[in-house]
Amino acid sequence: MKLLVHSDNPVKLRDAIENYLKSDESIWLYIDDYKTNVGTTRPVFTHKSKNYKDKAKFVVYAQSDSNRVLFYFTDKESSQVEAQYMGMLIPLIMNNFPNNFTSISVEK
């Protein structure tokens, strides 16, 4: 599954989301760097709580050519856990970045 956040400025939104995820007020934990196909690295996140920690790991990508931010799961226990993480990420975006996106969608 893919969590897609459509935005007029996906790079700015991705950077803001990553900064929030790394902040102390976040329930997310920065754990590693993920090497992309083009040789750059992106931070990898998981949930801080013991119930969800390391059950899934994700990276946030800006897709400037399609004006969207993609939450890419690099590792997950199951599709159910992935869906639970998405269920936590969608309100995070809606509450913290209401003026930075035009729509949110999930693709199977």
PDB file of N, CA and C in Angstrom:
ATOM      1  N   MET A   1       0.835  -1.180   0.000  1.00  0.00           N
ATOM      2  CA  MET A   1       0.000   0.000   0.000  1.00  0.00           C
ATOM      3  C   MET A   1       0.881   1.244   0.000  1.00  0.00           C
ATOM      4  N   LYS A   2       0.311   2.332  -0.497  1.00  0.00           N
ATOM      5  CA  LYS A   2       1.021   3.603  -0.536  1.00  0.00           C
ATOM      6  C   LYS A   2       0.148   4.679   0.090  1.00  0.00           C
ATOM      7  N   LEU A   3       0.743   5.485   0.942  1.00  0.00           N
ATOM      8  CA  LEU A   3       0.082   6.673   1.464  1.00  0.00           C
ATOM      9  C   LEU A   3       0.624   7.851   0.678  1.00  0.00           C
ATOM     10  N   LEU A   4      -0.257   8.556  -0.031  1.00  0.00           N
ATOM     11  CA  LEU A   4       0.132   9.674  -0.888  1.00  0.00           C
ATOM     12  C   LEU A   4      -0.511  10.956  -0.384  1.00  0.00           C
ATOM     13  N   VAL A   5       0.294  11.996  -0.266  1.00  0.00           N
ATOM     14  CA  VAL A   5      -0.191  13.305   0.144  1.00  0.00           C
ATOM     15  C   VAL A   5       0.093  14.259  -1.011  1.00  0.00           C
ATOM     16  N   HIS A   6      -0.956  14.773  -1.610  1.00  0.00           N
ATOM     17  CA  HIS A   6      -0.827  15.650  -2.778  1.00  0.00           C
ATOM     18  C   HIS A   6      -0.597  17.080  -2.310  1.00  0.00           C
ATOM     19  N   SER A   7       0.391  17.739  -2.918  1.00  0.00           N
ATOM     20  CA  SER A   7       0.806  19.058  -2.466  1.00  0.00           C
ATOM     21  C   SER A   7       1.351  19.872  -3.630  1.00  0.00           C
ATOM     22  N   ASP A   8       1.172  21.191  -3.560  1.00  0.00           N
ATOM     23  CA  ASP A   8       1.752  22.075  -4.571  1.00  0.00           C
ATOM     24  C   ASP A   8       3.264  22.214  -4.391  1.00  0.00           C
ATOM     25  N   ASN A   9       3.754  21.914  -3.187  1.00  0.00           N
ATOM     26  CA  ASN A   9       5.186  21.990  -2.911  1.00  0.00           C
ATOM     27  C   ASN A   9       5.608  20.752  -2.106  1.00  0.00           C
ATOM     28  N   PRO A  10       5.760  19.615  -2.784  1.00  0.00           N
ATOM     29  CA  PRO A  10       6.038  18.367  -2.066  1.00  0.00           C
ATOM     30  C   PRO A  10       7.376  18.345  -1.325  1.00  0.00           C
ATOM     31  N   VAL A  11       8.388  19.032  -1.828  1.00  0.00           N
ATOM     32  CA  VAL A  11       9.688  19.039  -1.150  1.00  0.00           C
ATOM     33  C   VAL A  11       9.568  19.775   0.187  1.00  0.00           C
ATOM     34  N   LYS A  12       8.906  20.922   0.173  1.00  0.00           N
ATOM     35  CA  LYS A  12       8.702  21.689   1.403  1.00  0.00           C
ATOM     36  C   LYS A  12       7.877  20.880   2.412  1.00  0.00           C
ATOM     37  N   LEU A  13       6.835  20.217   1.939  1.00  0.00           N
ATOM     38  CA  LEU A  13       5.997  19.411   2.820  1.00  0.00           C
ATOM     39  C   LEU A  13       6.774  18.224   3.375  1.00  0.00           C
ATOM     40  N   ARG A  14       7.524  17.532   2.523  1.00  0.00           N
ATOM     41  CA  ARG A  14       8.340  16.399   3.002  1.00  0.00           C
ATOM     42  C   ARG A  14       9.305  16.840   4.091  1.00  0.00           C
ATOM     43  N   ASP A  15       9.990  17.959   3.862  1.00  0.00           N
ATOM     44  CA  ASP A  15      10.945  18.459   4.848  1.00  0.00           C
ATOM     45  C   ASP A  15      10.258  18.808   6.169  1.00  0.00           C
ATOM     46  N   ALA A  16       9.081  19.423   6.085  1.00  0.00           N
ATOM     47  CA  ALA A  16       8.331  19.784   7.288  1.00  0.00           C
ATOM     48  C   ALA A  16       7.874  18.529   8.035  1.00  0.00           C
ATOM     49  N   ILE A  17       7.418  17.526   7.301  1.00  0.00           N
ATOM     50  CA  ILE A  17       6.987  16.270   7.927  1.00  0.00           C
ATOM     51  C   ILE A  17       8.174  15.591   8.605  1.00  0.00           C
ATOM     52  N   GLU A  18       9.307  15.497   7.916  1.00  0.00           N
ATOM     53  CA  GLU A  18      10.489  14.865   8.509  1.00  0.00           C
ATOM     54  C   GLU A  18      10.943  15.606   9.766  1.00  0.00           C
ATOM     55  N   ASN A  19      10.936  16.928   9.721  1.00  0.00           N
ATOM     56  CA  ASN A  19      11.331  17.704  10.902  1.00  0.00           C
ATOM     57  C   ASN A  19      10.381  17.445  12.064  1.00  0.00           C
ATOM     58  N   TYR A  20       9.095  17.360  11.776  1.00  0.00           N
ATOM     59  CA  TYR A  20       8.124  17.069  12.824  1.00  0.00           C
ATOM     60  C   TYR A  20       8.340  15.657  13.389  1.00  0.00           C
ATOM     61  N   LEU A  21       8.537  14.683  12.509  1.00  0.00           N
ATOM     62  CA  LEU A  21       8.741  13.310  12.957  1.00  0.00           C
ATOM     63  C   LEU A  21       9.982  13.178  13.845  1.00  0.00           C
ATOM     64  N   LYS A  22      10.992  14.020  13.603  1.00  0.00           N
ATOM     65  CA  LYS A  22      12.223  13.993  14.394  1.00  0.00           C
ATOM     66  C   LYS A  22      12.098  14.784  15.700  1.00  0.00           C
ATOM     67  N   SER A  23      11.054  15.573  15.843  1.00  0.00           N
ATOM     68  CA  SER A  23      10.913  16.444  17.014  1.00  0.00           C
ATOM     69  C   SER A  23      10.560  15.649  18.272  1.00  0.00           C
ATOM     70  N   ASP A  24      10.783  16.273  19.406  1.00  0.00           N
ATOM     71  CA  ASP A  24      10.519  15.635  20.698  1.00  0.00           C
ATOM     72  C   ASP A  24       9.035  15.393  20.938  1.00  0.00           C
ATOM     73  N   GLU A  25       8.182  16.231  20.358  1.00  0.00           N
ATOM     74  CA  GLU A  25       6.744  16.075  20.582  1.00  0.00           C
ATOM     75  C   GLU A  25       6.139  14.947  19.743  1.00  0.00           C
ATOM     76  N   SER A  26       6.907  14.415  18.852  1.00  0.00           N
ATOM     77  CA  SER A  26       6.428  13.368  17.948  1.00  0.00           C
ATOM     78  C   SER A  26       6.388  12.000  18.638  1.00  0.00           C
ATOM     79  N   ILE A  27       5.452  11.166  18.210  1.00  0.00           N
ATOM     80  CA  ILE A  27       5.379   9.783  18.697  1.00  0.00           C
ATOM     81  C   ILE A  27       6.199   8.848  17.806  1.00  0.00           C
ATOM     82  N   TRP A  28       6.964   9.445  16.883  1.00  0.00           N
ATOM     83  CA  TRP A  28       7.763   8.683  15.930  1.00  0.00           C
ATOM     84  C   TRP A  28       9.229   8.771  16.296  1.00  0.00           C
ATOM     85  N   LEU A  29       9.989   7.798  15.837  1.00  0.00           N
ATOM     86  CA  LEU A  29      11.400   7.695  16.177  1.00  0.00           C
ATOM     87  C   LEU A  29      12.227   7.577  14.900  1.00  0.00           C
ATOM     88  N   TYR A  30      13.227   8.453  14.766  1.00  0.00           N
ATOM     89  CA  TYR A  30      14.182   8.383  13.657  1.00  0.00           C
ATOM     90  C   TYR A  30      15.187   7.293  14.015  1.00  0.00           C
ATOM     91  N   ILE A  31      15.312   6.268  13.154  1.00  0.00           N
ATOM     92  CA  ILE A  31      16.151   5.127  13.530  1.00  0.00           C
ATOM     93  C   ILE A  31      17.340   4.849  12.615  1.00  0.00           C
ATOM     94  N   ASP A  32      17.291   5.336  11.378  1.00  0.00           N
ATOM     95  CA  ASP A  32      18.329   4.941  10.438  1.00  0.00           C
ATOM     96  C   ASP A  32      18.223   5.806   9.193  1.00  0.00           C
ATOM     97  N   ASP A  33      19.098   5.563   8.235  1.00  0.00           N
ATOM     98  CA  ASP A  33      19.006   6.183   6.913  1.00  0.00           C
ATOM     99  C   ASP A  33      18.806   5.099   5.876  1.00  0.00           C
ATOM    100  N   TYR A  34      18.023   5.414   4.863  1.00  0.00           N
ATOM    101  CA  TYR A  34      17.713   4.489   3.784  1.00  0.00           C
ATOM    102  C   TYR A  34      18.349   5.020   2.508  1.00  0.00           C
ATOM    103  N   LYS A  35      19.126   4.194   1.844  1.00  0.00           N
ATOM    104  CA  LYS A  35      19.767   4.605   0.597  1.00  0.00           C
ATOM    105  C   LYS A  35      18.800   4.400  -0.561  1.00  0.00           C
ATOM    106  N   THR A  36      18.561   5.451  -1.310  1.00  0.00           N
ATOM    107  CA  THR A  36      17.618   5.399  -2.421  1.00  0.00           C
ATOM    108  C   THR A  36      18.286   4.860  -3.679  1.00  0.00           C
ATOM    109  N   ASN A  37      17.477   4.638  -4.698  1.00  0.00           N
ATOM    110  CA  ASN A  37      17.984   4.139  -5.986  1.00  0.00           C
ATOM    111  C   ASN A  37      18.933   5.121  -6.656  1.00  0.00           C
ATOM    112  N   VAL A  38      18.782   6.414  -6.376  1.00  0.00           N
ATOM    113  CA  VAL A  38      19.626   7.427  -7.011  1.00  0.00           C
ATOM    114  C   VAL A  38      20.838   7.792  -6.164  1.00  0.00           C
ATOM    115  N   GLY A  39      21.044   7.048  -5.058  1.00  0.00           N
ATOM    116  CA  GLY A  39      22.244   7.227  -4.258  1.00  0.00           C
ATOM    117  C   GLY A  39      22.132   8.215  -3.106  1.00  0.00           C
ATOM    118  N   THR A  40      20.990   8.846  -2.927  1.00  0.00           N
ATOM    119  CA  THR A  40      20.812   9.740  -1.786  1.00  0.00           C
ATOM    120  C   THR A  40      20.292   8.939  -0.595  1.00  0.00           C
ATOM    121  N   THR A  41      20.232   9.562   0.562  1.00  0.00           N
ATOM    122  CA  THR A  41      19.686   8.889   1.727  1.00  0.00           C
ATOM    123  C   THR A  41      18.502   9.669   2.282  1.00  0.00           C
ATOM    124  N   ARG A  42      17.574   8.947   2.882  1.00  0.00           N
ATOM    125  CA  ARG A  42      16.385   9.527   3.517  1.00  0.00           C
ATOM    126  C   ARG A  42      16.290   8.920   4.910  1.00  0.00           C
ATOM    127  N   PRO A  43      15.804   9.700   5.891  1.00  0.00           N
ATOM    128  CA  PRO A  43      15.646   9.150   7.231  1.00  0.00           C
ATOM    129  C   PRO A  43      14.536   8.095   7.292  1.00  0.00           C
ATOM    130  N   VAL A  44      14.762   7.080   8.098  1.00  0.00           N
ATOM    131  CA  VAL A  44      13.785   6.007   8.314  1.00  0.00           C
ATOM    132  C   VAL A  44      13.167   6.211   9.703  1.00  0.00           C
ATOM    133  N   PHE A  45      11.844   6.038   9.781  1.00  0.00           N
ATOM    134  CA  PHE A  45      11.116   6.243  11.033  1.00  0.00           C
ATOM    135  C   PHE A  45      10.340   4.996  11.423  1.00  0.00           C
ATOM    136  N   THR A  46      10.104   4.862  12.731  1.00  0.00           N
ATOM    137  CA  THR A  46       9.208   3.858  13.279  1.00  0.00           C
ATOM    138  C   THR A  46       8.453   4.509  14.428  1.00  0.00           C
ATOM    139  N   HIS A  47       7.535   3.803  15.027  1.00  0.00           N
ATOM    140  CA  HIS A  47       6.762   4.332  16.147  1.00  0.00           C
ATOM    141  C   HIS A  47       7.561   4.159  17.438  1.00  0.00           C
ATOM    142  N   LYS A  48       7.404   5.091  18.391  1.00  0.00           N
ATOM    143  CA  LYS A  48       8.160   5.028  19.650  1.00  0.00           C
ATOM    144  C   LYS A  48       7.604   4.015  20.649  1.00  0.00           C
ATOM    145  N   SER A  49       6.310   3.773  20.632  1.00  0.00           N
ATOM    146  CA  SER A  49       5.719   2.929  21.674  1.00  0.00           C
ATOM    147  C   SER A  49       6.153   1.470  21.529  1.00  0.00           C
ATOM    148  N   LYS A  50       6.205   0.772  22.653  1.00  0.00           N
ATOM    149  CA  LYS A  50       6.654  -0.625  22.615  1.00  0.00           C
ATOM    150  C   LYS A  50       5.693  -1.515  21.831  1.00  0.00           C
ATOM    151  N   ASN A  51       4.420  -1.132  21.753  1.00  0.00           N
ATOM    152  CA  ASN A  51       3.440  -1.927  21.002  1.00  0.00           C
ATOM    153  C   ASN A  51       3.654  -1.860  19.491  1.00  0.00           C
ATOM    154  N   TYR A  52       4.223  -0.746  19.009  1.00  0.00           N
ATOM    155  CA  TYR A  52       4.374  -0.558  17.566  1.00  0.00           C
ATOM    156  C   TYR A  52       5.817  -0.424  17.099  1.00  0.00           C
ATOM    157  N   LYS A  53       6.748  -0.224  18.013  1.00  0.00           N
ATOM    158  CA  LYS A  53       8.137   0.024  17.642  1.00  0.00           C
ATOM    159  C   LYS A  53       8.690  -1.121  16.789  1.00  0.00           C
ATOM    160  N   ASP A  54       9.281  -0.743  15.668  1.00  0.00           N
ATOM    161  CA  ASP A  54       9.936  -1.657  14.727  1.00  0.00           C
ATOM    162  C   ASP A  54       8.996  -2.651  14.052  1.00  0.00           C
ATOM    163  N   LYS A  55       7.683  -2.506  14.232  1.00  0.00           N
ATOM    164  CA  LYS A  55       6.746  -3.381  13.520  1.00  0.00           C
ATOM    165  C   LYS A  55       6.604  -2.943  12.063  1.00  0.00           C
ATOM    166  N   ALA A  56       6.952  -1.679  11.819  1.00  0.00           N
ATOM    167  CA  ALA A  56       7.014  -1.152  10.452  1.00  0.00           C
ATOM    168  C   ALA A  56       8.011  -0.003  10.459  1.00  0.00           C
ATOM    169  N   LYS A  57       8.624   0.223   9.309  1.00  0.00           N
ATOM    170  CA  LYS A  57       9.573   1.322   9.131  1.00  0.00           C
ATOM    171  C   LYS A  57       9.223   2.009   7.813  1.00  0.00           C
ATOM    172  N   PHE A  58       9.306   3.330   7.822  1.00  0.00           N
ATOM    173  CA  PHE A  58       8.927   4.059   6.612  1.00  0.00           C
ATOM    174  C   PHE A  58       9.852   5.238   6.339  1.00  0.00           C
ATOM    175  N   VAL A  59       9.828   5.650   5.083  1.00  0.00           N
ATOM    176  CA  VAL A  59      10.589   6.784   4.576  1.00  0.00           C
ATOM    177  C   VAL A  59       9.586   7.728   3.927  1.00  0.00           C
ATOM    178  N   VAL A  60       9.886   9.029   3.976  1.00  0.00           N
ATOM    179  CA  VAL A  60       9.027  10.026   3.348  1.00  0.00           C
ATOM    180  C   VAL A  60       9.748  10.571   2.116  1.00  0.00           C
ATOM    181  N   TYR A  61       9.129  10.423   0.947  1.00  0.00           N
ATOM    182  CA  TYR A  61       9.710  10.897  -0.316  1.00  0.00           C
ATOM    183  C   TYR A  61       8.887  12.039  -0.887  1.00  0.00           C
ATOM    184  N   ALA A  62       9.566  12.991  -1.503  1.00  0.00           N
ATOM    185  CA  ALA A  62       8.881  14.027  -2.282  1.00  0.00           C
ATOM    186  C   ALA A  62       8.945  13.606  -3.744  1.00  0.00           C
ATOM    187  N   GLN A  63       7.800  13.533  -4.384  1.00  0.00           N
ATOM    188  CA  GLN A  63       7.733  13.212  -5.812  1.00  0.00           C
ATOM    189  C   GLN A  63       7.298  14.482  -6.543  1.00  0.00           C
ATOM    190  N   SER A  64       8.293  15.311  -6.857  1.00  0.00           N
ATOM    191  CA  SER A  64       8.016  16.625  -7.450  1.00  0.00           C
ATOM    192  C   SER A  64       7.335  16.530  -8.804  1.00  0.00           C
ATOM    193  N   ASP A  65       7.647  15.484  -9.574  1.00  0.00           N
ATOM    194  CA  ASP A  65       7.056  15.335 -10.900  1.00  0.00           C
ATOM    195  C   ASP A  65       5.556  15.065 -10.847  1.00  0.00           C
ATOM    196  N   SER A  66       5.066  14.567  -9.721  1.00  0.00           N
ATOM    197  CA  SER A  66       3.631  14.295  -9.601  1.00  0.00           C
ATOM    198  C   SER A  66       2.990  15.067  -8.443  1.00  0.00           C
ATOM    199  N   ASN A  67       3.718  16.042  -7.906  1.00  0.00           N
ATOM    200  CA  ASN A  67       3.211  16.899  -6.826  1.00  0.00           C
ATOM    201  C   ASN A  67       2.621  16.105  -5.665  1.00  0.00           C
ATOM    202  N   ARG A  68       3.411  15.171  -5.160  1.00  0.00           N
ATOM    203  CA  ARG A  68       2.926  14.414  -4.014  1.00  0.00           C
ATOM    204  C   ARG A  68       4.083  13.957  -3.133  1.00  0.00           C
ATOM    205  N   VAL A  69       3.728  13.657  -1.902  1.00  0.00           N
ATOM    206  CA  VAL A  69       4.651  13.086  -0.929  1.00  0.00           C
ATOM    207  C   VAL A  69       4.224  11.640  -0.727  1.00  0.00           C
ATOM    208  N   LEU A  70       5.174  10.746  -0.797  1.00  0.00           N
ATOM    209  CA  LEU A  70       4.920   9.316  -0.658  1.00  0.00           C
ATOM    210  C   LEU A  70       5.510   8.815   0.648  1.00  0.00           C
ATOM    211  N   PHE A  71       4.703   8.110   1.430  1.00  0.00           N
ATOM    212  CA  PHE A  71       5.194   7.391   2.602  1.00  0.00           C
ATOM    213  C   PHE A  71       5.459   5.964   2.132  1.00  0.00           C
ATOM    214  N   TYR A  72       6.740   5.607   2.066  1.00  0.00           N
ATOM    215  CA  TYR A  72       7.166   4.310   1.549  1.00  0.00           C
ATOM    216  C   TYR A  72       7.597   3.436   2.721  1.00  0.00           C
ATOM    217  N   PHE A  73       6.990   2.266   2.852  1.00  0.00           N
ATOM    218  CA  PHE A  73       7.322   1.349   3.941  1.00  0.00           C
ATOM    219  C   PHE A  73       8.462   0.437   3.500  1.00  0.00           C
ATOM    220  N   THR A  74       9.610   0.607   4.156  1.00  0.00           N
ATOM    221  CA  THR A  74      10.803  -0.181   3.818  1.00  0.00           C
ATOM    222  C   THR A  74      10.755  -1.557   4.460  1.00  0.00           C
ATOM    223  N   ASP A  75       9.962  -1.680   5.517  1.00  0.00           N
ATOM    224  CA  ASP A  75       9.865  -2.943   6.246  1.00  0.00           C
ATOM    225  C   ASP A  75       8.563  -2.926   7.030  1.00  0.00           C
ATOM    226  N   LYS A  76       7.893  -4.064   7.095  1.00  0.00           N
ATOM    227  CA  LYS A  76       6.650  -4.138   7.873  1.00  0.00           C
ATOM    228  C   LYS A  76       6.382  -5.583   8.241  1.00  0.00           C
ATOM    229  N   GLU A  77       5.751  -5.775   9.391  1.00  0.00           N
ATOM    230  CA  GLU A  77       5.376  -7.118   9.836  1.00  0.00           C
ATOM    231  C   GLU A  77       4.256  -7.680   8.977  1.00  0.00           C
ATOM    232  N   SER A  78       3.306  -6.820   8.629  1.00  0.00           N
ATOM    233  CA  SER A  78       2.148  -7.264   7.846  1.00  0.00           C
ATOM    234  C   SER A  78       1.457  -6.055   7.231  1.00  0.00           C
ATOM    235  N   SER A  79       0.545  -6.323   6.321  1.00  0.00           N
ATOM    236  CA  SER A  79      -0.252  -5.245   5.735  1.00  0.00           C
ATOM    237  C   SER A  79      -1.149  -4.599   6.782  1.00  0.00           C
ATOM    238  N   GLN A  80      -1.555  -5.381   7.774  1.00  0.00           N
ATOM    239  CA  GLN A  80      -2.393  -4.841   8.852  1.00  0.00           C
ATOM    240  C   GLN A  80      -1.620  -3.790   9.656  1.00  0.00           C
ATOM    241  N   VAL A  81      -0.364  -4.048   9.979  1.00  0.00           N
ATOM    242  CA  VAL A  81       0.461  -3.088  10.710  1.00  0.00           C
ATOM    243  C   VAL A  81       0.690  -1.850   9.854  1.00  0.00           C
ATOM    244  N   GLU A  82       0.942  -2.045   8.574  1.00  0.00           N
ATOM    245  CA  GLU A  82       1.122  -0.924   7.658  1.00  0.00           C
ATOM    246  C   GLU A  82      -0.123  -0.032   7.667  1.00  0.00           C
ATOM    247  N   ALA A  83      -1.292  -0.636   7.636  1.00  0.00           N
ATOM    248  CA  ALA A  83      -2.551   0.116   7.669  1.00  0.00           C
ATOM    249  C   ALA A  83      -2.702   0.864   8.995  1.00  0.00           C
ATOM    250  N   GLN A  84      -2.287   0.245  10.103  1.00  0.00           N
ATOM    251  CA  GLN A  84      -2.357   0.918  11.398  1.00  0.00           C
ATOM    252  C   GLN A  84      -1.439   2.138  11.435  1.00  0.00           C
ATOM    253  N   TYR A  85      -0.257   2.011  10.885  1.00  0.00           N
ATOM    254  CA  TYR A  85       0.656   3.151  10.814  1.00  0.00           C
ATOM    255  C   TYR A  85       0.035   4.263   9.965  1.00  0.00           C
ATOM    256  N   MET A  86      -0.535   3.901   8.820  1.00  0.00           N
ATOM    257  CA  MET A  86      -1.181   4.903   7.968  1.00  0.00           C
ATOM    258  C   MET A  86      -2.304   5.600   8.728  1.00  0.00           C
ATOM    259  N   GLY A  87      -3.028   4.824   9.529  1.00  0.00           N
ATOM    260  CA  GLY A  87      -4.107   5.380  10.327  1.00  0.00           C
ATOM    261  C   GLY A  87      -3.620   6.385  11.360  1.00  0.00           C
ATOM    262  N   MET A  88      -2.363   6.318  11.739  1.00  0.00           N
ATOM    263  CA  MET A  88      -1.774   7.295  12.658  1.00  0.00           C
ATOM    264  C   MET A  88      -1.150   8.469  11.901  1.00  0.00           C
ATOM    265  N   LEU A  89      -0.660   8.213  10.697  1.00  0.00           N
ATOM    266  CA  LEU A  89       0.008   9.265   9.931  1.00  0.00           C
ATOM    267  C   LEU A  89      -0.981  10.246   9.295  1.00  0.00           C
ATOM    268  N   ILE A  90      -2.130   9.776   8.867  1.00  0.00           N
ATOM    269  CA  ILE A  90      -3.098  10.660   8.209  1.00  0.00           C
ATOM    270  C   ILE A  90      -3.538  11.799   9.133  1.00  0.00           C
ATOM    271  N   PRO A  91      -3.959  11.545  10.388  1.00  0.00           N
ATOM    272  CA  PRO A  91      -4.321  12.669  11.257  1.00  0.00           C
ATOM    273  C   PRO A  91      -3.130  13.585  11.573  1.00  0.00           C
ATOM    274  N   LEU A  92      -1.919  13.016  11.638  1.00  0.00           N
ATOM    275  CA  LEU A  92      -0.729  13.833  11.867  1.00  0.00           C
ATOM    276  C   LEU A  92      -0.614  14.889  10.770  1.00  0.00           C
ATOM    277  N   ILE A  93      -0.792  14.473   9.534  1.00  0.00           N
ATOM    278  CA  ILE A  93      -0.699  15.397   8.399  1.00  0.00           C
ATOM    279  C   ILE A  93      -1.843  16.403   8.439  1.00  0.00           C
ATOM    280  N   MET A  94      -3.052  15.909   8.654  1.00  0.00           N
ATOM    281  CA  MET A  94      -4.221  16.786   8.648  1.00  0.00           C
ATOM    282  C   MET A  94      -4.159  17.829   9.767  1.00  0.00           C
ATOM    283  N   ASN A  95      -3.673  17.452  10.942  1.00  0.00           N
ATOM    284  CA  ASN A  95      -3.640  18.364  12.088  1.00  0.00           C
ATOM    285  C   ASN A  95      -2.454  19.321  12.076  1.00  0.00           C
ATOM    286  N   ASN A  96      -1.312  18.862  11.573  1.00  0.00           N
ATOM    287  CA  ASN A  96      -0.097  19.672  11.645  1.00  0.00           C
ATOM    288  C   ASN A  96       0.248  20.425  10.365  1.00  0.00           C
ATOM    289  N   PHE A  97      -0.307  19.998   9.246  1.00  0.00           N
ATOM    290  CA  PHE A  97       0.030  20.620   7.966  1.00  0.00           C
ATOM    291  C   PHE A  97      -1.227  20.896   7.134  1.00  0.00           C
ATOM    292  N   PRO A  98      -2.268  21.476   7.725  1.00  0.00           N
ATOM    293  CA  PRO A  98      -3.538  21.621   7.011  1.00  0.00           C
ATOM    294  C   PRO A  98      -3.472  22.507   5.764  1.00  0.00           C
ATOM    295  N   ASN A  99      -2.520  23.418   5.712  1.00  0.00           N
ATOM    296  CA  ASN A  99      -2.413  24.327   4.568  1.00  0.00           C
ATOM    297  C   ASN A  99      -1.367  23.897   3.552  1.00  0.00           C
ATOM    298  N   ASN A 100      -0.764  22.719   3.763  1.00  0.00           N
ATOM    299  CA  ASN A 100       0.336  22.283   2.909  1.00  0.00           C
ATOM    300  C   ASN A 100      -0.012  21.121   1.985  1.00  0.00           C
ATOM    301  N   PHE A 101      -1.257  20.686   1.972  1.00  0.00           N
ATOM    302  CA  PHE A 101      -1.635  19.590   1.073  1.00  0.00           C
ATOM    303  C   PHE A 101      -3.013  19.850   0.492  1.00  0.00           C
ATOM    304  N   THR A 102      -3.275  19.220  -0.648  1.00  0.00           N
ATOM    305  CA  THR A 102      -4.564  19.387  -1.310  1.00  0.00           C
ATOM    306  C   THR A 102      -5.446  18.161  -1.115  1.00  0.00           C
ATOM    307  N   SER A 103      -4.834  16.977  -0.987  1.00  0.00           N
ATOM    308  CA  SER A 103      -5.604  15.753  -0.739  1.00  0.00           C
ATOM    309  C   SER A 103      -4.674  14.659  -0.237  1.00  0.00           C
ATOM    310  N   ILE A 104      -5.284  13.641   0.347  1.00  0.00           N
ATOM    311  CA  ILE A 104      -4.567  12.468   0.837  1.00  0.00           C
ATOM    312  C   ILE A 104      -5.241  11.246   0.246  1.00  0.00           C
ATOM    313  N   SER A 105      -4.439  10.303  -0.230  1.00  0.00           N
ATOM    314  CA  SER A 105      -5.011   9.083  -0.785  1.00  0.00           C
ATOM    315  C   SER A 105      -4.174   7.875  -0.401  1.00  0.00           C
ATOM    316  N   VAL A 106      -4.804   6.725  -0.455  1.00  0.00           N
ATOM    317  CA  VAL A 106      -4.133   5.445  -0.216  1.00  0.00           C
ATOM    318  C   VAL A 106      -4.330   4.604  -1.448  1.00  0.00           C
ATOM    319  N   GLU A 107      -3.244   4.042  -1.955  1.00  0.00           N
ATOM    320  CA  GLU A 107      -3.311   3.127  -3.101  1.00  0.00           C
ATOM    321  C   GLU A 107      -2.893   1.753  -2.637  1.00  0.00           C
ATOM    322  N   LYS A 108      -3.610   0.768  -3.122  1.00  0.00           N
ATOM    323  CA  LYS A 108      -3.302  -0.623  -2.775  1.00  0.00           C
ATOM    324  C   LYS A 108      -2.132  -1.123  -3.578  1.00  0.00           C
TER     325      LYS A 108
END
